[in-house]
């Protein structure tokens, strides 16, 4: 049975997968600068029989392995892992802690890359057991640098051959190690941003009556924006509106009313119509308050797609992952997550699923979260297990030809 072979090879290559993860953890690289990381991935892929390696993708640091089964043509599956690190100084004191000052794999992308490499190794050794094609996409620049879009639009990883299903996962410190959760619908929400520039009339701080104070107007706008979430949207709507930066005037002057005040913020929701309502209300409230104060508000907004799992892919992933992890360790996550993930570039074009991999070895409420300088994956055995899970996803889809 193929599942037994997958499990055996996952155990056989466990040390290899964990060692590779530790190597990446010690040598993290920032978004779109993952040159060593990409080189190491390409080197390992090139050692695998039957693997075609495509490198220098997505601006130079993207890598993809392409593996064709020997049992003829069929569907094509793509499994994706992100590979970039964050500008954070690591404080874990791990023996394999980051050796790059101010850079850390604080979001678990080292584990993502390692389990995908593990899947590539497992499946390359099982290529005589299936037909069709599997793509292993190692994506740079997930942390806000458009790496997924570069992979999809510039490097065309969903083409030649065309992809029929896509899969990805993220380590998740809010879930117990050994468990995997599948988002019922919204794995990551619609993300947006806004900028409001209030244009007033500057002058001397002792003569405010001769000015149009943009700071005072911006303060009113800030208060008005809070009404959007608390008073203007349905109670059941999953949404976030946060003003995260306000700036006006030089920091070393205390007697100048400036001409302008700028605020920026983030928006999140699990439904597109909620995002559209919020952006429309930001425009209306900002411009209305500015006009009432004889000021002008210039408002810009942006909305990005969500990661919405394909309905049929959810039970498929539950059934497939249970073969590796056991039924009790695979669960449906009914709550929408409002974080951002550029896997939307893949899943809005091709059906698929995004799943969450538990890494908590203590009470999840006490675990260090993602993007924290103390974030760790204490139980590294989950990494080769996820190599097995993704291998099972791929082979089950290729065998069935659908979700």
Protein backbone atom coordinates (compact mmCIF):
# COMPACT_ATOMS: atom_id res chain seq x y z
CA UNK A 1 0.00 0.00 0.00
CA UNK A 2 1.39 3.39 -1.01
CA UNK A 3 0.61 5.00 2.35
CA UNK A 4 2.84 2.45 4.09
CA UNK A 5 5.66 3.20 1.65
CA UNK A 6 5.24 6.94 2.24
CA UNK A 7 5.42 6.46 6.01
CA UNK A 8 8.49 4.24 5.72
CA UNK A 9 10.34 6.75 3.56
CA UNK A 10 9.32 9.63 5.81
CA UNK A 11 10.94 7.83 8.74
CA UNK A 12 13.94 6.81 6.65
CA UNK A 13 14.62 10.41 5.62
CA UNK A 14 13.61 12.04 8.90
CA UNK A 15 17.15 13.03 9.92
CA UNK A 16 17.86 14.38 6.44
CA UNK A 17 14.74 16.56 6.51
CA UNK A 18 15.37 17.89 10.03
CA UNK A 19 19.06 18.55 9.32
CA UNK A 20 18.11 20.51 6.22
CA UNK A 21 15.64 22.58 8.25
CA UNK A 22 18.35 23.35 10.81
CA UNK A 23 20.76 24.38 8.08
CA UNK A 24 18.22 26.86 6.74
CA UNK A 25 17.44 28.07 10.25
CA UNK A 26 21.11 28.87 10.86
CA UNK A 27 21.37 30.71 7.55
CA UNK A 28 18.17 32.76 7.14
CA UNK A 29 17.82 35.25 4.32
CA UNK A 30 15.42 38.15 3.85
CA UNK A 31 12.72 38.32 1.19
CA UNK A 32 14.02 38.26 -2.39
CA UNK A 33 17.57 37.82 -1.06
CA UNK A 34 17.35 34.04 -0.49
CA UNK A 35 20.36 33.22 -2.69
CA UNK A 36 22.02 30.62 -0.46
CA UNK A 37 18.65 29.12 0.43
CA UNK A 38 17.70 28.75 -3.24
CA UNK A 39 21.11 27.30 -4.11
CA UNK A 40 20.88 24.69 -1.33
CA UNK A 41 17.36 23.70 -2.40
CA UNK A 42 18.40 23.38 -6.04
CA UNK A 43 21.46 21.32 -5.06
CA UNK A 44 19.36 18.83 -3.11
CA UNK A 45 16.65 18.58 -5.77
CA UNK A 46 19.28 17.90 -8.44
CA UNK A 47 20.39 14.78 -6.53
CA UNK A 48 16.92 13.22 -6.80
CA UNK A 49 16.29 10.77 -9.62
CA UNK A 50 13.77 11.91 -12.20
CA UNK A 51 13.68 15.47 -10.88
CA UNK A 52 13.88 18.40 -13.30
CA UNK A 53 15.13 21.53 -11.51
CA UNK A 54 14.13 25.04 -12.55
CA UNK A 55 15.95 27.80 -10.70
CA UNK A 56 16.41 31.59 -10.93
CA UNK A 57 12.63 31.97 -10.84
CA UNK A 58 10.68 34.93 -9.45
CA UNK A 59 13.49 37.41 -9.88
CA UNK A 60 16.30 34.99 -9.08
CA UNK A 61 15.60 33.14 -5.83
CA UNK A 62 12.62 30.97 -6.70
CA UNK A 63 13.14 27.25 -7.33
CA UNK A 64 10.86 24.53 -8.65
CA UNK A 65 11.30 20.80 -8.96
CA UNK A 66 9.24 18.99 -11.58
CA UNK A 67 8.71 15.25 -11.19
CA UNK A 68 6.87 13.03 -13.66
CA UNK A 69 5.58 9.63 -12.68
CA UNK A 70 6.51 6.71 -14.89
CA UNK A 71 2.96 5.38 -15.19
CA UNK A 72 2.02 7.73 -17.99
CA UNK A 73 0.36 11.11 -18.26
CA UNK A 74 -2.26 12.43 -15.89
CA UNK A 75 -3.09 15.36 -13.69
CA UNK A 76 -0.58 17.84 -12.29
CA UNK A 77 -0.28 18.82 -8.63
CA UNK A 78 1.69 21.76 -7.23
CA UNK A 79 2.88 21.91 -3.62
CA UNK A 80 4.23 25.25 -2.44
CA UNK A 81 6.51 26.34 0.40
CA UNK A 82 7.73 29.86 1.18
CA UNK A 83 11.43 30.24 2.01
CA UNK A 84 12.12 33.79 3.24
CA UNK A 85 13.02 34.92 6.76
CA UNK A 86 12.28 38.07 8.78
CA UNK A 87 14.33 41.09 9.98
CA UNK A 88 14.27 39.88 13.61
CA UNK A 89 17.16 39.21 16.00
CA UNK A 90 16.79 35.64 17.26
CA UNK A 91 16.75 35.11 21.05
CA UNK A 92 16.02 31.35 21.27
CA UNK A 93 19.60 30.26 22.15
CA UNK A 94 19.09 27.14 20.04
CA UNK A 95 22.30 25.32 19.06
CA UNK A 96 21.32 26.00 15.45
CA UNK A 97 20.15 29.59 16.01
CA UNK A 98 20.55 32.15 13.25
CA UNK A 99 24.11 33.09 12.39
CA UNK A 100 22.95 36.12 10.43
CA UNK A 101 22.70 39.21 12.60
CA UNK A 102 19.19 40.64 12.71
CA UNK A 103 17.65 37.94 10.50
CA UNK A 104 15.59 34.98 11.73
CA UNK A 105 13.22 32.28 10.54
CA UNK A 106 10.59 33.51 13.00
CA UNK A 107 7.68 32.40 10.80
CA UNK A 108 8.64 28.78 10.24
CA UNK A 109 9.44 29.04 6.56
CA UNK A 110 12.56 26.93 7.17
CA UNK A 111 10.24 24.09 8.21
CA UNK A 112 8.01 24.69 5.18
CA UNK A 113 10.97 24.42 2.81
CA UNK A 114 12.28 21.32 4.60
CA UNK A 115 9.01 19.39 4.50
CA UNK A 116 8.55 20.21 0.83
CA UNK A 117 12.07 19.02 0.08
CA UNK A 118 11.23 15.88 2.06
CA UNK A 119 8.14 15.34 -0.07
CA UNK A 120 10.22 15.74 -3.20
CA UNK A 121 12.67 13.10 -1.95
CA UNK A 122 9.91 10.66 -0.96
CA UNK A 123 7.99 11.04 -4.21
CA UNK A 124 11.09 10.86 -6.42
CA UNK A 125 11.71 7.42 -4.92
CA UNK A 126 8.08 6.45 -5.60
CA UNK A 127 7.88 7.81 -9.15
CA UNK A 128 7.30 4.30 -10.50
CA UNK A 129 4.09 4.12 -8.47
CA UNK A 130 2.12 6.94 -10.13
CA UNK A 131 1.30 8.73 -13.35
CA UNK A 132 1.04 12.46 -13.85
CA UNK A 133 3.23 15.29 -12.66
CA UNK A 134 4.13 16.92 -9.34
CA UNK A 135 5.61 20.41 -9.02
CA UNK A 136 7.51 21.44 -5.89
CA UNK A 137 7.47 25.25 -5.76
CA UNK A 138 9.89 26.97 -3.36
CA UNK A 139 8.70 30.56 -3.29
CA UNK A 140 10.71 33.60 -2.18
CA UNK A 141 9.36 36.87 -0.82
CA UNK A 142 6.15 35.83 0.92
CA UNK A 143 6.59 38.43 3.66
CA UNK A 144 5.01 41.29 1.74
CA UNK A 145 7.29 41.26 -1.30
CA UNK A 146 5.00 39.71 -3.91
CA UNK A 147 6.96 36.50 -4.33
CA UNK A 148 3.90 34.42 -5.18
CA UNK A 149 2.86 36.81 -7.91
CA UNK A 150 6.35 36.69 -9.39
CA UNK A 151 6.25 32.89 -9.38
CA UNK A 152 2.82 32.75 -10.99
CA UNK A 153 2.87 35.71 -13.40
CA UNK A 154 6.54 36.06 -14.31
CA UNK A 155 7.79 32.48 -13.98
CA UNK A 156 4.48 30.83 -14.98
CA UNK A 157 4.79 27.93 -12.53
CA UNK A 158 1.12 27.06 -13.00
CA UNK A 159 1.76 26.33 -16.69
CA UNK A 160 3.71 23.79 -18.78
CA UNK A 161 2.05 21.52 -17.78
CA UNK A 162 -1.03 23.28 -16.41
CA UNK A 163 -1.66 22.64 -12.71
CA UNK A 164 -4.90 20.98 -11.57
CA UNK A 165 -4.55 21.30 -7.78
CA UNK A 166 -2.45 23.32 -5.33
CA UNK A 167 -1.55 22.69 -1.69
CA UNK A 168 0.34 24.56 1.04
CA UNK A 169 0.61 24.70 4.81
CA UNK A 170 1.87 26.91 7.64
CA UNK A 171 3.25 25.96 11.03
CA UNK A 172 0.74 27.12 13.63
CA UNK A 173 1.66 27.67 17.31
CA UNK A 174 -2.01 27.77 18.33
CA UNK A 175 -2.45 24.08 17.44
CA UNK A 176 -0.96 21.13 19.31
CA UNK A 177 2.06 19.46 17.72
CA UNK A 178 0.99 16.39 15.79
CA UNK A 179 -2.35 17.84 14.75
CA UNK A 180 -3.26 19.33 11.40
CA UNK A 181 -6.27 21.59 10.86
CA UNK A 182 -7.96 22.30 7.55
CA UNK A 183 -9.70 25.63 7.14
CA UNK A 184 -13.34 25.01 6.33
CA UNK A 185 -13.39 28.08 4.13
CA UNK A 186 -11.14 31.06 4.87
CA UNK A 187 -7.54 30.06 5.59
CA UNK A 188 -6.37 33.68 5.29
CA UNK A 189 -8.61 36.68 4.82
CA UNK A 190 -8.85 39.47 2.31
CA UNK A 191 -6.18 41.99 3.19
CA UNK A 192 -6.19 45.67 2.45
CA UNK A 193 -4.45 48.90 3.23
CA UNK A 194 -5.41 52.52 3.28
CA UNK A 195 -3.67 55.88 3.34
CA UNK A 196 -5.37 59.12 4.31
CA UNK A 197 -3.56 62.40 3.74
CA UNK A 198 -5.25 65.38 5.37
CA UNK A 199 -4.28 68.69 3.76
CA UNK A 200 -4.85 71.74 5.89
CA UNK A 201 -3.11 75.09 6.28
CA UNK A 202 -0.02 75.32 8.41
CA UNK A 203 1.20 78.16 10.56
CA UNK A 204 2.48 79.20 13.97
CA UNK A 205 1.29 77.15 16.91
CA UNK A 206 0.38 80.29 18.87
CA UNK A 207 -2.05 81.46 16.17
CA UNK A 208 -4.19 78.36 15.46
CA UNK A 209 -7.15 80.51 14.37
CA UNK A 210 -5.22 81.39 11.22
CA UNK A 211 -4.59 77.75 10.38
CA UNK A 212 -6.51 74.65 9.36
CA UNK A 213 -4.95 72.13 11.72
CA UNK A 214 -4.57 68.80 9.87
CA UNK A 215 -3.73 66.98 13.11
CA UNK A 216 -7.04 67.99 14.68
CA UNK A 217 -8.90 66.92 11.53
CA UNK A 218 -7.00 63.62 11.40
CA UNK A 219 -7.95 63.01 15.04
CA UNK A 220 -11.62 63.38 14.14
CA UNK A 221 -11.18 61.06 11.17
CA UNK A 222 -9.46 58.46 13.37
CA UNK A 223 -12.41 58.52 15.77
CA UNK A 224 -14.85 58.28 12.88
CA UNK A 225 -13.07 55.25 11.43
CA UNK A 226 -13.59 53.31 14.66
CA UNK A 227 -17.34 53.58 14.09
CA UNK A 228 -17.03 51.48 10.93
CA UNK A 229 -16.22 48.27 12.81
CA UNK A 230 -18.26 48.96 15.95
CA UNK A 231 -21.38 50.56 14.44
CA UNK A 232 -21.55 50.19 10.66
CA UNK A 233 -20.99 46.45 10.02
CA UNK A 234 -22.91 43.34 11.01
CA UNK A 235 -21.94 41.94 14.39
CA UNK A 236 -21.16 38.57 12.78
CA UNK A 237 -18.83 39.98 10.13
CA UNK A 238 -15.20 38.95 10.64
CA UNK A 239 -13.28 42.18 10.14
CA UNK A 240 -10.41 44.34 11.35
CA UNK A 241 -9.64 48.01 10.76
CA UNK A 242 -6.49 49.31 12.42
CA UNK A 243 -4.74 52.65 12.02
CA UNK A 244 -1.08 51.76 12.43
CA UNK A 245 0.78 54.98 11.65
CA UNK A 246 0.07 58.70 12.02
CA UNK A 247 2.67 61.28 11.07
CA UNK A 248 2.63 65.04 10.85
CA UNK A 249 5.31 67.70 10.94
CA UNK A 250 8.98 67.61 11.94
CA UNK A 251 9.77 65.73 15.14
CA UNK A 252 12.11 68.41 16.47
CA UNK A 253 9.64 71.33 16.29
CA UNK A 254 6.96 72.13 18.88
CA UNK A 255 5.52 75.43 17.64
CA UNK A 256 4.60 74.66 14.03
CA UNK A 257 1.15 73.56 12.89
CA UNK A 258 1.99 71.55 9.76
CA UNK A 259 0.26 71.63 6.41
CA UNK A 260 -0.49 67.91 6.27
CA UNK A 261 -1.11 64.85 8.43
CA UNK A 262 -0.94 61.31 7.05
CA UNK A 263 -2.30 58.10 8.54
CA UNK A 264 -2.02 54.57 7.21
CA UNK A 265 -3.59 51.32 8.30
CA UNK A 266 -4.64 47.79 7.53
CA UNK A 267 -7.96 46.13 6.74
CA UNK A 268 -8.94 42.48 7.06
CA UNK A 269 -12.16 40.55 6.43
CA UNK A 270 -13.28 37.10 5.35
CA UNK A 271 -15.70 38.41 2.72
CA UNK A 272 -15.02 40.69 -0.23
CA UNK A 273 -18.23 42.68 0.26
CA UNK A 274 -17.15 43.58 3.81
CA UNK A 275 -13.83 44.87 2.49
CA UNK A 276 -15.60 46.89 -0.19
CA UNK A 277 -17.98 48.37 2.39
CA UNK A 278 -15.09 49.34 4.67
CA UNK A 279 -13.10 51.02 1.91
CA UNK A 280 -16.18 52.95 0.75
CA UNK A 281 -16.86 54.15 4.31
CA UNK A 282 -13.23 55.17 4.80
CA UNK A 283 -13.55 57.39 1.73
CA UNK A 284 -16.88 58.87 2.82
CA UNK A 285 -15.97 59.52 6.47
CA UNK A 286 -12.52 60.93 5.74
CA UNK A 287 -13.62 63.31 3.01
CA UNK A 288 -16.76 64.36 4.87
CA UNK A 289 -14.93 65.26 8.08
CA UNK A 290 -12.19 67.05 6.16
CA UNK A 291 -14.72 69.11 4.18
CA UNK A 292 -16.56 70.06 7.37
CA UNK A 293 -13.27 71.50 8.66
CA UNK A 294 -12.31 73.29 5.42
CA UNK A 295 -9.55 70.74 4.84
CA UNK A 296 -9.04 68.18 2.09
CA UNK A 297 -8.60 64.42 2.50
CA UNK A 298 -6.81 62.41 -0.15
CA UNK A 299 -7.68 58.72 0.36
CA UNK A 300 -6.24 55.64 -1.32
CA UNK A 301 -7.23 52.04 -0.62
CA UNK A 302 -6.17 48.61 -1.84
CA UNK A 303 -7.72 45.15 -1.49
CA UNK A 304 -5.89 41.84 -2.00
CA UNK A 305 -7.46 38.42 -2.49
CA UNK A 306 -8.05 35.94 0.33
CA UNK A 307 -6.93 32.32 0.59
CA UNK A 308 -10.28 30.53 0.33
CA UNK A 309 -10.10 26.74 0.31
CA UNK A 310 -11.94 24.93 -2.46
CA UNK A 311 -15.03 23.37 -0.88
CA UNK A 312 -14.36 19.87 -2.22
CA UNK A 313 -10.71 20.01 -1.19
CA UNK A 314 -11.53 20.20 2.53
CA UNK A 315 -12.89 16.64 3.00
CA UNK A 316 -10.24 15.42 0.57
CA UNK A 317 -7.46 16.80 2.79
CA UNK A 318 -9.11 15.50 5.96
CA UNK A 319 -9.33 11.96 4.57
CA UNK A 320 -5.87 12.02 3.00
CA UNK A 321 -4.01 13.47 6.00
CA UNK A 322 -5.73 11.05 8.38
CA UNK A 323 -3.94 8.19 6.63
CA UNK A 324 -0.66 9.64 7.90
CA UNK A 325 -1.56 11.40 11.15
CA UNK A 326 -4.59 9.43 12.32
CA UNK A 327 -8.21 10.57 12.26
CA UNK A 328 -8.14 12.10 15.75
CA UNK A 329 -5.30 14.43 14.76
CA UNK A 330 -6.93 15.95 11.68
CA UNK A 331 -9.65 18.51 12.26
CA UNK A 332 -11.71 21.14 10.46
CA UNK A 333 -11.05 24.75 11.47
CA UNK A 334 -14.33 26.65 11.22
CA UNK A 335 -12.98 30.05 12.27
CA UNK A 336 -11.79 32.47 9.57
CA UNK A 337 -8.18 33.63 9.92
CA UNK A 338 -7.59 37.27 9.05
CA UNK A 339 -3.85 37.15 8.57
CA UNK A 340 -2.43 37.66 5.09
CA UNK A 341 -0.81 35.09 2.79
CA UNK A 342 0.14 35.50 -0.84
CA UNK A 343 -0.79 31.89 -1.61
CA UNK A 344 -3.93 33.63 -2.87
CA UNK A 345 -2.05 34.07 -6.16
CA UNK A 346 -2.14 30.28 -6.56
CA UNK A 347 -5.51 29.31 -5.12
CA UNK A 348 -7.52 32.01 -6.92
CA UNK A 349 -6.35 30.49 -10.20
CA UNK A 350 -6.32 26.78 -9.37
CA UNK A 351 -8.48 24.81 -6.90
CA UNK A 352 -6.75 23.63 -3.77
CA UNK A 353 -6.34 23.87 -0.02
CA UNK A 354 -4.24 25.53 2.65
CA UNK A 355 -3.81 23.67 5.95
CA UNK A 356 -2.35 24.50 9.37
CA UNK A 357 0.33 22.37 11.02
CA UNK A 358 0.37 22.33 14.81
CA UNK A 359 3.69 22.94 16.57
CA UNK A 360 2.61 23.73 20.16
CA UNK A 361 4.22 21.44 22.75
CA UNK A 362 2.81 23.40 25.69
CA UNK A 363 -0.50 25.16 26.28
CA UNK A 364 -1.01 26.99 22.96
CA UNK A 365 -1.86 30.15 24.89
CA UNK A 366 1.63 30.08 26.41
CA UNK A 367 3.49 29.37 23.17
CA UNK A 368 5.52 32.07 21.44
CA UNK A 369 3.70 33.25 18.35
CA UNK A 370 4.85 33.71 14.79
CA UNK A 371 7.17 36.67 14.16
CA UNK A 372 8.41 36.48 17.76
CA UNK A 373 12.17 36.39 18.43
CA UNK A 374 11.65 33.32 20.66
CA UNK A 375 9.51 31.35 18.21
CA UNK A 376 10.63 27.72 18.04
CA UNK A 377 9.52 24.34 16.72
CA UNK A 378 10.40 22.10 19.64
CA UNK A 379 8.95 18.88 18.22
CA UNK A 380 10.76 18.68 14.90
CA UNK A 381 9.23 15.28 14.13
CA UNK A 382 6.22 17.11 12.70
CA UNK A 383 8.36 18.25 9.76
CA UNK A 384 8.96 14.82 8.16
CA UNK A 385 5.36 13.92 9.04
CA UNK A 386 4.21 16.83 6.90
CA UNK A 387 6.50 15.60 4.13
CA UNK A 388 4.46 12.40 4.28
CA UNK A 389 1.14 14.29 4.38
CA UNK A 390 1.95 16.31 1.26
CA UNK A 391 3.15 13.16 -0.49
CA UNK A 392 -0.19 11.56 0.36
CA UNK A 393 -2.10 14.62 -0.89
CA UNK A 394 -0.27 14.47 -4.21
CA UNK A 395 -0.66 10.74 -4.81
CA UNK A 396 -4.30 10.66 -3.75
CA UNK A 397 -5.16 13.50 -6.13
CA UNK A 398 -3.22 11.97 -9.02
CA UNK A 399 -4.95 8.62 -8.44
CA UNK A 400 -8.48 10.09 -8.19
CA UNK A 401 -7.97 12.87 -10.71
CA UNK A 402 -10.14 15.18 -8.61
CA UNK A 403 -10.99 16.20 -5.05
